[in-house]
Amino acid sequence: MPLSATQILAARDRQTAEVHVPEWATPDGDDTVLVGSMGALDYAALQTWIDQAGHRVEPEEDEVVTCDSDPAADDETAEKEYSFAETVELMVRWCCHSILDPKTLMPAFTVDQVQALGSKNVRALERVYQAALQLNRATAESAEAFEKNLEGTAASASGSA
């Protein structure tokens, strides 16, 4: 028998993992954060932010542009670069969409709370972000690109962690 709307909405279809974040421990020692795969609308909101961030990479001065290149290509297909600040904000946005309220299994934070969440310890956020990447099956290429961008200025950020 096909599922009803009520059954579909009641289904617990988000994969979850408990992540220990000692930096956020309560006085009684609880340091577990529930991280989960994103819902479709959370994923769409994150992707929209990614599409709007960054800047298009212009060809190098000596780079040859062939006839196959479409100068009118839209920004969605153009290669983009992201600043370190945008890369870190992306990590925080992943965390915002992936940290779940343990009672409702819905995101614990709203997009309006990204800045507040971004004020938390960077090492703690990195731990949550790594779990979120695994649960959301992000591509290895996207994770490697993020890590490379983050490592580029990690030395300058290490004093503020």
Protein backbone atom coordinates (compact mmCIF):
# COMPACT_ATOMS: atom_id res chain seq x y z
CA MET A 1 0.00 0.00 0.00
CA PRO A 2 1.44 3.44 -0.91
CA LEU A 3 2.55 5.76 1.88
CA SER A 4 0.32 8.62 2.96
CA ALA A 5 1.52 12.22 3.37
CA THR A 6 1.38 11.76 7.15
CA GLN A 7 3.59 8.67 6.95
CA ILE A 8 6.09 10.39 4.66
CA LEU A 9 6.32 13.46 6.89
CA ALA A 10 6.71 11.24 9.99
CA ALA A 11 9.54 9.21 8.43
CA ARG A 12 12.93 9.76 10.07
CA ASP A 13 14.88 9.93 6.82
CA ARG A 14 17.78 12.12 7.89
CA GLN A 15 20.98 10.28 8.71
CA THR A 16 22.50 11.47 11.96
CA ALA A 17 25.71 11.20 13.94
CA GLU A 18 26.67 12.30 17.41
CA VAL A 19 29.77 14.47 17.41
CA HIS A 20 31.75 15.17 20.56
CA VAL A 21 32.56 18.87 20.84
CA PRO A 22 34.40 19.38 24.13
CA GLU A 23 34.62 23.13 23.51
CA TRP A 24 30.82 23.31 23.92
CA ALA A 25 30.52 21.02 26.96
CA THR A 26 27.88 21.84 29.55
CA PRO A 27 28.79 22.03 33.27
CA ASP A 28 27.58 18.42 33.69
CA GLY A 29 29.99 17.27 30.95
CA ASP A 30 27.58 16.75 28.04
CA ASP A 31 29.48 17.60 24.85
CA THR A 32 27.52 15.76 22.17
CA VAL A 33 26.04 17.57 19.18
CA LEU A 34 23.59 15.86 16.84
CA VAL A 35 24.62 16.41 13.22
CA GLY A 36 22.42 15.28 10.37
CA SER A 37 22.02 15.19 6.65
CA MET A 38 20.30 18.24 5.20
CA GLY A 39 16.72 18.47 4.12
CA ALA A 40 16.06 19.50 0.51
CA LEU A 41 15.25 23.13 1.34
CA ASP A 42 18.30 23.48 3.58
CA TYR A 43 20.44 22.11 0.76
CA ALA A 44 18.86 24.53 -1.71
CA ALA A 45 19.46 27.50 0.62
CA LEU A 46 23.11 26.52 1.02
CA GLN A 47 23.57 26.06 -2.72
CA THR A 48 21.95 29.45 -3.41
CA TRP A 49 24.42 31.10 -1.03
CA ILE A 50 27.34 29.31 -2.73
CA ASP A 51 26.13 30.44 -6.16
CA GLN A 52 25.93 34.06 -5.01
CA ALA A 53 29.28 34.12 -3.19
CA GLY A 54 32.71 34.28 -4.78
CA HIS A 55 33.81 35.99 -7.93
CA ARG A 56 34.29 34.76 -11.45
CA VAL A 57 37.84 33.85 -12.39
CA GLU A 58 38.98 35.93 -15.34
CA PRO A 59 41.42 34.41 -17.85
CA GLU A 60 45.08 35.13 -17.19
CA GLU A 61 46.69 37.79 -19.39
CA ASP A 62 48.62 35.20 -21.37
CA GLU A 63 45.84 32.56 -21.33
CA VAL A 64 44.55 31.52 -24.75
CA VAL A 65 40.77 31.62 -25.05
CA THR A 66 39.61 29.28 -27.80
CA CYS A 67 36.68 29.50 -30.14
CA ASP A 68 35.00 26.86 -27.99
CA SER A 69 34.86 29.32 -25.09
CA ASP A 70 31.52 31.04 -24.73
CA PRO A 71 32.06 34.62 -23.57
CA ALA A 72 28.34 34.86 -22.82
CA ALA A 73 28.42 31.81 -20.52
CA ASP A 74 26.47 32.39 -17.37
CA ASP A 75 28.11 32.53 -13.95
CA GLU A 76 26.82 29.06 -13.04
CA THR A 77 29.27 27.40 -15.43
CA ALA A 78 32.12 29.86 -14.90
CA GLU A 79 34.92 28.94 -12.55
CA LYS A 80 34.73 30.90 -9.32
CA GLU A 81 37.12 31.73 -6.52
CA TYR A 82 36.10 32.28 -2.91
CA SER A 83 37.84 34.43 -0.34
CA PHE A 84 39.02 32.92 2.93
CA ALA A 85 36.15 34.68 4.74
CA GLU A 86 33.64 33.19 2.29
CA THR A 87 35.17 29.75 2.73
CA VAL A 88 34.89 29.95 6.51
CA GLU A 89 31.33 31.29 6.23
CA LEU A 90 30.49 28.31 4.01
CA MET A 91 31.72 25.99 6.76
CA VAL A 92 29.55 27.81 9.32
CA ARG A 93 26.53 27.64 6.99
CA TRP A 94 27.05 23.87 6.59
CA CYS A 95 27.04 23.61 10.38
CA CYS A 96 23.95 25.82 10.65
CA HIS A 97 22.00 23.56 8.29
CA SER A 98 23.38 20.32 9.75
CA ILE A 99 23.26 20.71 13.55
CA LEU A 100 19.94 19.19 14.58
CA ASP A 101 17.72 19.70 17.59
CA PRO A 102 17.76 16.25 19.25
CA LYS A 103 14.03 16.36 20.02
CA THR A 104 12.67 17.49 16.65
CA LEU A 105 15.51 16.37 14.34
CA MET A 106 15.11 19.72 12.59
CA PRO A 107 17.92 22.28 12.22
CA ALA A 108 18.76 23.76 15.61
CA PHE A 109 19.80 27.07 14.04
CA THR A 110 18.16 29.43 11.58
CA VAL A 111 19.98 31.25 8.80
CA ASP A 112 19.56 34.40 10.91
CA GLN A 113 21.89 32.78 13.47
CA VAL A 114 24.81 32.13 11.08
CA GLN A 115 26.82 35.07 12.45
CA ALA A 116 26.24 34.01 16.06
CA LEU A 117 27.23 30.42 15.28
CA GLY A 118 30.26 31.76 13.40
CA SER A 119 31.51 33.35 16.61
CA LYS A 120 32.08 29.89 18.10
CA ASN A 121 35.44 28.10 18.26
CA VAL A 122 36.77 27.33 14.78
CA ARG A 123 38.09 23.87 15.78
CA ALA A 124 34.66 22.90 17.13
CA LEU A 125 32.98 24.09 13.94
CA GLU A 126 35.52 22.19 11.82
CA ARG A 127 34.66 18.97 13.70
CA VAL A 128 30.93 19.46 13.08
CA TYR A 129 31.59 20.43 9.45
CA GLN A 130 33.57 17.25 8.77
CA ALA A 131 30.70 15.13 10.13
CA ALA A 132 28.21 17.13 8.05
CA LEU A 133 30.27 16.54 4.90
CA GLN A 134 30.23 12.79 5.49
CA LEU A 135 26.51 12.64 6.25
CA ASN A 136 25.62 14.75 3.22
CA ARG A 137 27.98 12.79 0.98
CA ALA A 138 29.77 15.86 -0.30
CA THR A 139 32.15 15.09 -3.11
CA ALA A 140 35.77 14.51 -2.31
CA GLU A 141 36.64 17.32 -4.75
CA SER A 142 34.50 19.88 -2.92
CA ALA A 143 35.94 18.84 0.44
CA GLU A 144 39.51 18.99 -0.91
CA ALA A 145 38.91 22.43 -2.41
CA PHE A 146 37.58 23.67 0.91
CA GLU A 147 40.50 22.18 2.85
CA LYS A 148 43.01 23.72 0.43
CA ASN A 149 41.40 27.15 0.74
CA LEU A 150 41.22 26.84 4.53
CA GLU A 151 44.86 25.74 4.81
CA GLY A 152 45.98 28.76 2.80
CA THR A 153 45.44 31.05 5.76
CA ALA A 154 45.25 28.58 8.63
CA ALA A 155 48.49 29.90 10.08
CA SER A 156 47.04 33.40 10.36
CA ALA A 157 43.84 32.08 11.99
CA SER A 158 45.53 29.72 14.44
CA GLY A 159 46.11 32.43 17.01
CA SER A 160 42.38 33.21 17.25
CA ALA A 161 41.11 29.65 17.63
